[in-house]
């Protein structure tokens, strides 16, 4: 089984758990995903099956969008409500104060990955080190926040948050930084990813249970062909001889191809419409093979 499926990840399961369940449901061993979601988080999770896994890094638009809720006046070791409470403080900030603090975190920012995250340091996941009571120095990472909006919600000292950001941005850390700027601390209480890789919740299918035959059928019906998931790249049809050369890793002369003058990535198709893979014209002269498509 090969293709891309957009899962609406439920709460309470890890991204690894989603992959493990899909292996059982589909019988496909080669499964990967683009962008880890914490167990507490729900929403859009891009999953690649079979031969599609080789194209993960080529998925366009790695930016993400989220909606969530956070609470002022409390800090935890995980930076979300699932963690151990470290401190509770009085809250004097107004909604205008919160909006101003959030505004200062837009644009290019630096973040230190939370200890409870899937980042590897010294060959170990940070969450493994944290669970054993350890702590290590983590290098700062650059991220870009395109939009960060907050709105007072009904709960005491609770606010809604909307974020559009680059891949690798930690929403828990954004919330924690807002709380620290306000002097009262803050923790994330709910999070839902609404967009990723150009897909939204309207493209997503619920994660079926292990024995949910009907859910499996619905999931199978929503599998997106690899070339369709990469539709941002222009299509290029080659001759039979060029198709054979490309499929064997050979580069092609751009001046012998139609519509291949512009530098960039191209989806390459055989004369009969079969998707062959992704090529790149980086110098205006040659189409080099980036990925060859094979179902298995």
Protein backbone atom coordinates (compact mmCIF):
# COMPACT_ATOMS: atom_id res chain seq x y z
CA UNK A 1 0.00 0.00 0.00
CA UNK A 2 1.56 3.25 -1.18
CA UNK A 3 0.46 6.87 -0.82
CA UNK A 4 -0.19 9.68 1.64
CA UNK A 5 -2.97 9.68 4.22
CA UNK A 6 -3.98 12.61 6.42
CA UNK A 7 -4.96 11.35 9.85
CA UNK A 8 -7.01 13.35 12.36
CA UNK A 9 -4.93 12.23 15.33
CA UNK A 10 -6.96 11.65 18.50
CA UNK A 11 -5.89 12.71 21.96
CA UNK A 12 -3.99 10.33 24.21
CA UNK A 13 -1.87 8.53 21.62
CA UNK A 14 1.68 9.27 20.50
CA UNK A 15 2.63 9.79 16.86
CA UNK A 16 4.55 6.52 17.10
CA UNK A 17 1.37 4.89 18.37
CA UNK A 18 -0.53 6.15 15.32
CA UNK A 19 2.10 4.63 13.03
CA UNK A 20 2.05 1.33 14.94
CA UNK A 21 -1.74 1.08 14.65
CA UNK A 22 -1.65 1.89 10.94
CA UNK A 23 0.89 -0.89 10.39
CA UNK A 24 -1.59 -3.36 11.90
CA UNK A 25 -4.55 -1.96 9.98
CA UNK A 26 -2.90 -1.69 6.56
CA UNK A 27 -0.33 -4.49 6.73
CA UNK A 28 2.23 -1.98 5.43
CA UNK A 29 5.52 -2.03 7.38
CA UNK A 30 7.08 1.03 5.78
CA UNK A 31 5.23 3.97 7.32
CA UNK A 32 6.54 7.41 8.25
CA UNK A 33 5.09 10.78 9.17
CA UNK A 34 5.85 14.46 8.76
CA UNK A 35 5.78 16.29 12.09
CA UNK A 36 5.37 14.75 15.53
CA UNK A 37 2.31 15.59 17.64
CA UNK A 38 2.37 15.30 21.44
CA UNK A 39 -0.04 12.74 22.99
CA UNK A 40 -2.24 15.59 24.25
CA UNK A 41 -2.47 17.20 20.80
CA UNK A 42 -4.98 16.31 18.10
CA UNK A 43 -5.43 17.10 14.44
CA UNK A 44 -3.63 16.94 11.12
CA UNK A 45 -0.90 14.31 10.90
CA UNK A 46 0.61 13.59 7.48
CA UNK A 47 1.40 9.89 7.15
CA UNK A 48 3.32 8.30 4.28
CA UNK A 49 2.83 4.65 3.31
CA UNK A 50 5.14 2.29 1.43
CA UNK A 51 7.12 3.90 -1.38
CA UNK A 52 5.79 7.33 -0.41
CA UNK A 53 8.09 7.39 2.64
CA UNK A 54 11.04 8.29 0.38
CA UNK A 55 9.31 11.57 -0.50
CA UNK A 56 8.74 12.86 3.04
CA UNK A 57 11.34 15.64 2.84
CA UNK A 58 9.92 16.74 -0.51
CA UNK A 59 6.40 17.37 0.75
CA UNK A 60 5.70 21.04 0.05
CA UNK A 61 4.73 23.63 2.63
CA UNK A 62 6.16 22.33 5.89
CA UNK A 63 4.53 25.24 7.74
CA UNK A 64 1.89 24.36 10.33
CA UNK A 65 -1.22 25.96 11.85
CA UNK A 66 -2.64 25.33 15.32
CA UNK A 67 -5.50 26.28 17.61
CA UNK A 68 -5.27 25.76 21.35
CA UNK A 69 -6.00 26.90 24.89
CA UNK A 70 -3.58 27.94 27.61
CA UNK A 71 -3.90 28.92 31.24
CA UNK A 72 -2.02 31.70 33.00
CA UNK A 73 -0.69 31.36 36.53
CA UNK A 74 0.61 27.80 36.36
CA UNK A 75 3.83 26.14 35.14
CA UNK A 76 4.55 22.43 34.64
CA UNK A 77 7.61 20.35 33.84
CA UNK A 78 6.22 19.39 30.41
CA UNK A 79 4.95 22.92 29.62
CA UNK A 80 1.45 21.46 29.20
CA UNK A 81 -1.33 20.40 31.56
CA UNK A 82 -0.29 16.73 31.48
CA UNK A 83 2.87 17.47 33.45
CA UNK A 84 3.76 17.92 37.09
CA UNK A 85 2.81 21.34 38.46
CA UNK A 86 5.95 23.25 39.39
CA UNK A 87 4.52 26.58 40.49
CA UNK A 88 1.31 28.58 40.72
CA UNK A 89 1.36 32.37 40.68
CA UNK A 90 -1.13 35.21 40.89
CA UNK A 91 -2.38 36.61 37.57
CA UNK A 92 -2.74 40.34 37.06
CA UNK A 93 -2.36 40.45 33.27
CA UNK A 94 -5.20 41.82 31.16
CA UNK A 95 -6.20 40.51 27.71
CA UNK A 96 -4.36 43.47 26.19
CA UNK A 97 -1.22 42.49 28.12
CA UNK A 98 -1.50 38.95 26.79
CA UNK A 99 -1.93 40.15 23.20
CA UNK A 100 1.09 42.43 23.53
CA UNK A 101 3.25 39.61 24.89
CA UNK A 102 2.17 37.34 22.04
CA UNK A 103 2.90 40.01 19.44
CA UNK A 104 6.52 40.17 20.61
CA UNK A 105 6.88 36.48 19.73
CA UNK A 106 6.01 36.85 16.03
CA UNK A 107 8.56 36.87 13.24
CA UNK A 108 11.88 35.05 13.52
CA UNK A 109 12.44 33.71 17.02
CA UNK A 110 14.72 31.27 18.81
CA UNK A 111 13.47 28.44 21.00
CA UNK A 112 15.05 25.85 23.25
CA UNK A 113 13.35 22.45 22.68
CA UNK A 114 11.45 21.28 25.80
CA UNK A 115 12.96 18.40 27.76
CA UNK A 116 9.75 16.49 27.09
CA UNK A 117 10.17 16.36 23.30
CA UNK A 118 11.28 13.89 20.65
CA UNK A 119 14.53 15.73 19.86
CA UNK A 120 17.63 13.53 20.17
CA UNK A 121 20.70 14.65 22.11
CA UNK A 122 23.66 12.32 22.35
CA UNK A 123 21.66 9.52 20.76
CA UNK A 124 18.81 9.68 23.29
CA UNK A 125 15.38 11.27 23.03
CA UNK A 126 14.95 14.23 25.36
CA UNK A 127 11.75 12.78 26.81
CA UNK A 128 13.65 9.59 27.75
CA UNK A 129 16.23 11.66 29.62
CA UNK A 130 13.51 13.73 31.31
CA UNK A 131 11.56 10.66 32.44
CA UNK A 132 14.69 9.27 34.10
CA UNK A 133 15.07 12.54 36.02
CA UNK A 134 17.85 13.95 33.85
CA UNK A 135 18.38 17.31 32.22
CA UNK A 136 20.78 18.26 29.42
CA UNK A 137 21.76 21.42 27.61
CA UNK A 138 19.74 21.88 24.42
CA UNK A 139 20.90 24.10 21.56
CA UNK A 140 18.60 26.92 20.52
CA UNK A 141 16.68 26.55 17.29
CA UNK A 142 15.41 29.22 14.94
CA UNK A 143 11.71 29.25 14.08
CA UNK A 144 9.37 31.67 12.33
CA UNK A 145 5.95 32.62 13.67
CA UNK A 146 3.78 34.13 10.94
CA UNK A 147 0.69 34.62 13.11
CA UNK A 148 0.10 34.45 16.84
CA UNK A 149 -3.29 35.58 18.12
CA UNK A 150 -4.78 35.25 21.59
CA UNK A 151 -8.35 35.71 22.83
CA UNK A 152 -9.78 35.52 26.34
CA UNK A 153 -11.86 32.39 26.81
CA UNK A 154 -14.53 31.55 29.38
CA UNK A 155 -12.28 29.67 31.82
CA UNK A 156 -10.56 31.56 34.63
CA UNK A 157 -7.24 32.94 33.36
CA UNK A 158 -7.66 30.89 30.16
CA UNK A 159 -7.00 32.10 26.62
CA UNK A 160 -7.45 30.73 23.15
CA UNK A 161 -4.45 30.82 20.83
CA UNK A 162 -4.05 30.62 17.05
CA UNK A 163 -0.62 30.06 15.53
CA UNK A 164 0.77 29.81 12.01
CA UNK A 165 4.44 28.91 12.09
CA UNK A 166 7.37 27.12 10.52
CA UNK A 167 8.02 23.44 11.04
CA UNK A 168 9.75 22.67 14.33
CA UNK A 169 8.03 25.43 16.32
CA UNK A 170 6.99 24.35 19.82
CA UNK A 171 3.60 25.81 20.77
CA UNK A 172 4.16 24.75 24.40
CA UNK A 173 7.29 26.90 24.44
CA UNK A 174 5.47 29.86 22.88
CA UNK A 175 2.85 29.65 25.63
CA UNK A 176 5.51 29.32 28.33
CA UNK A 177 7.32 32.38 26.95
CA UNK A 178 4.08 34.38 27.02
CA UNK A 179 3.61 33.42 30.66
CA UNK A 180 7.15 34.35 31.61
CA UNK A 181 6.85 37.70 29.84
CA UNK A 182 3.75 38.39 31.93
CA UNK A 183 5.46 37.29 35.15
CA UNK A 184 2.85 34.67 36.04
CA UNK A 185 3.76 31.63 33.98
CA UNK A 186 1.48 29.72 31.61
CA UNK A 187 0.83 26.19 30.44
CA UNK A 188 -0.86 24.72 27.39
CA UNK A 189 -4.13 22.90 28.16
CA UNK A 190 -5.32 21.89 24.67
CA UNK A 191 -3.85 21.86 21.16
CA UNK A 192 -5.19 20.99 17.71
CA UNK A 193 -3.16 21.11 14.51
CA UNK A 194 -5.39 22.47 11.77
CA UNK A 195 -2.98 22.57 8.79
CA UNK A 196 0.24 20.86 7.69
CA UNK A 197 1.98 20.21 4.35
CA UNK A 198 -0.77 22.04 2.50
CA UNK A 199 -3.48 19.79 3.99
CA UNK A 200 -6.20 20.74 6.47
CA UNK A 201 -8.70 19.02 8.74
CA UNK A 202 -11.11 18.72 5.81
CA UNK A 203 -8.61 16.31 4.20
CA UNK A 204 -8.23 14.20 7.33
CA UNK A 205 -9.75 10.84 8.25
CA UNK A 206 -10.24 9.59 11.84
CA UNK A 207 -7.76 7.00 13.06
CA UNK A 208 -9.63 3.67 13.00
CA UNK A 209 -9.54 1.26 15.90
CA UNK A 210 -7.49 -1.94 15.45
CA UNK A 211 -10.59 -3.98 14.55
CA UNK A 212 -12.63 -1.28 12.80
CA UNK A 213 -13.23 -2.72 9.32
CA UNK A 214 -15.49 0.16 8.28
CA UNK A 215 -12.90 2.69 9.46
CA UNK A 216 -10.21 0.87 7.48
CA UNK A 217 -12.29 1.16 4.31
CA UNK A 218 -12.79 4.89 4.91
CA UNK A 219 -9.04 5.30 5.47
CA UNK A 220 -8.14 3.37 2.31
CA UNK A 221 -10.53 5.51 0.27
CA UNK A 222 -8.72 8.67 1.41
CA UNK A 223 -5.20 7.61 0.39
CA UNK A 224 -3.64 10.30 -1.79
CA UNK A 225 -1.31 9.22 -4.63
CA UNK A 226 2.26 10.42 -4.16
CA UNK A 227 2.24 12.59 -7.27
CA UNK A 228 -0.99 14.29 -6.11
CA UNK A 229 0.54 15.04 -2.71
CA UNK A 230 3.42 16.70 -4.56
CA UNK A 231 1.20 18.64 -6.97
CA UNK A 232 2.88 21.92 -6.06
CA UNK A 233 5.69 20.91 -8.40
CA UNK A 234 5.04 21.26 -12.15
CA UNK A 235 4.48 18.09 -14.17
CA UNK A 236 6.93 17.09 -16.87
CA UNK A 237 6.28 14.30 -19.39
CA UNK A 238 9.35 12.64 -20.93
CA UNK A 239 9.86 10.21 -23.80
CA UNK A 240 10.13 6.46 -23.36
CA UNK A 241 13.92 6.53 -23.64
CA UNK A 242 14.15 9.44 -21.18
CA UNK A 243 11.82 7.62 -18.79
CA UNK A 244 14.08 4.57 -18.77
CA UNK A 245 17.15 6.72 -18.19
CA UNK A 246 15.51 8.72 -15.39
CA UNK A 247 14.23 5.58 -13.65
CA UNK A 248 17.78 4.25 -13.58
CA UNK A 249 19.12 7.43 -11.97
CA UNK A 250 20.36 9.13 -15.13
CA UNK A 251 20.13 12.91 -15.54
CA UNK A 252 18.38 14.45 -18.53
CA UNK A 253 19.32 17.45 -20.68
CA UNK A 254 16.90 20.29 -20.02
CA UNK A 255 17.08 21.53 -23.62
CA UNK A 256 15.63 18.20 -24.76
CA UNK A 257 12.64 18.52 -22.43
CA UNK A 258 9.50 20.55 -22.91
CA UNK A 259 8.78 23.17 -20.24
CA UNK A 260 11.90 22.51 -18.17
CA UNK A 261 13.70 25.84 -18.49
CA UNK A 262 12.84 27.18 -15.04
CA UNK A 263 15.00 26.07 -12.12
CA UNK A 264 13.28 23.99 -9.45
CA UNK A 265 11.68 20.61 -8.75
CA UNK A 266 9.55 18.73 -11.28
CA UNK A 267 7.21 15.74 -11.13
CA UNK A 268 8.36 13.46 -13.94
CA UNK A 269 5.90 11.24 -15.85
CA UNK A 270 6.32 8.59 -18.52
CA UNK A 271 4.56 8.93 -21.92
CA UNK A 272 1.69 6.79 -20.61
CA UNK A 273 1.23 8.94 -17.50
CA UNK A 274 3.07 6.86 -14.88
CA UNK A 275 4.69 8.87 -12.11
CA UNK A 276 8.47 8.27 -12.21
CA UNK A 277 9.70 10.53 -9.42
CA UNK A 278 11.06 13.98 -8.69
CA UNK A 279 13.80 15.70 -10.65
CA UNK A 280 15.51 19.03 -10.11
CA UNK A 281 16.78 21.57 -12.60
CA UNK A 282 19.30 23.43 -10.46
CA UNK A 283 21.49 24.95 -13.16
CA UNK A 284 19.09 25.57 -16.04
CA UNK A 285 20.83 22.86 -18.07
CA UNK A 286 20.21 19.48 -16.50
CA UNK A 287 17.33 17.66 -14.80
CA UNK A 288 18.91 15.57 -12.04
CA UNK A 289 17.15 12.71 -10.29
CA UNK A 290 16.16 13.53 -6.71
CA UNK A 291 13.84 10.59 -5.97
CA UNK A 292 12.75 7.66 -8.12
CA UNK A 293 9.25 6.43 -7.33
CA UNK A 294 8.77 2.75 -6.55
CA UNK A 295 5.77 1.33 -4.77
CA UNK A 296 7.83 -1.21 -2.83
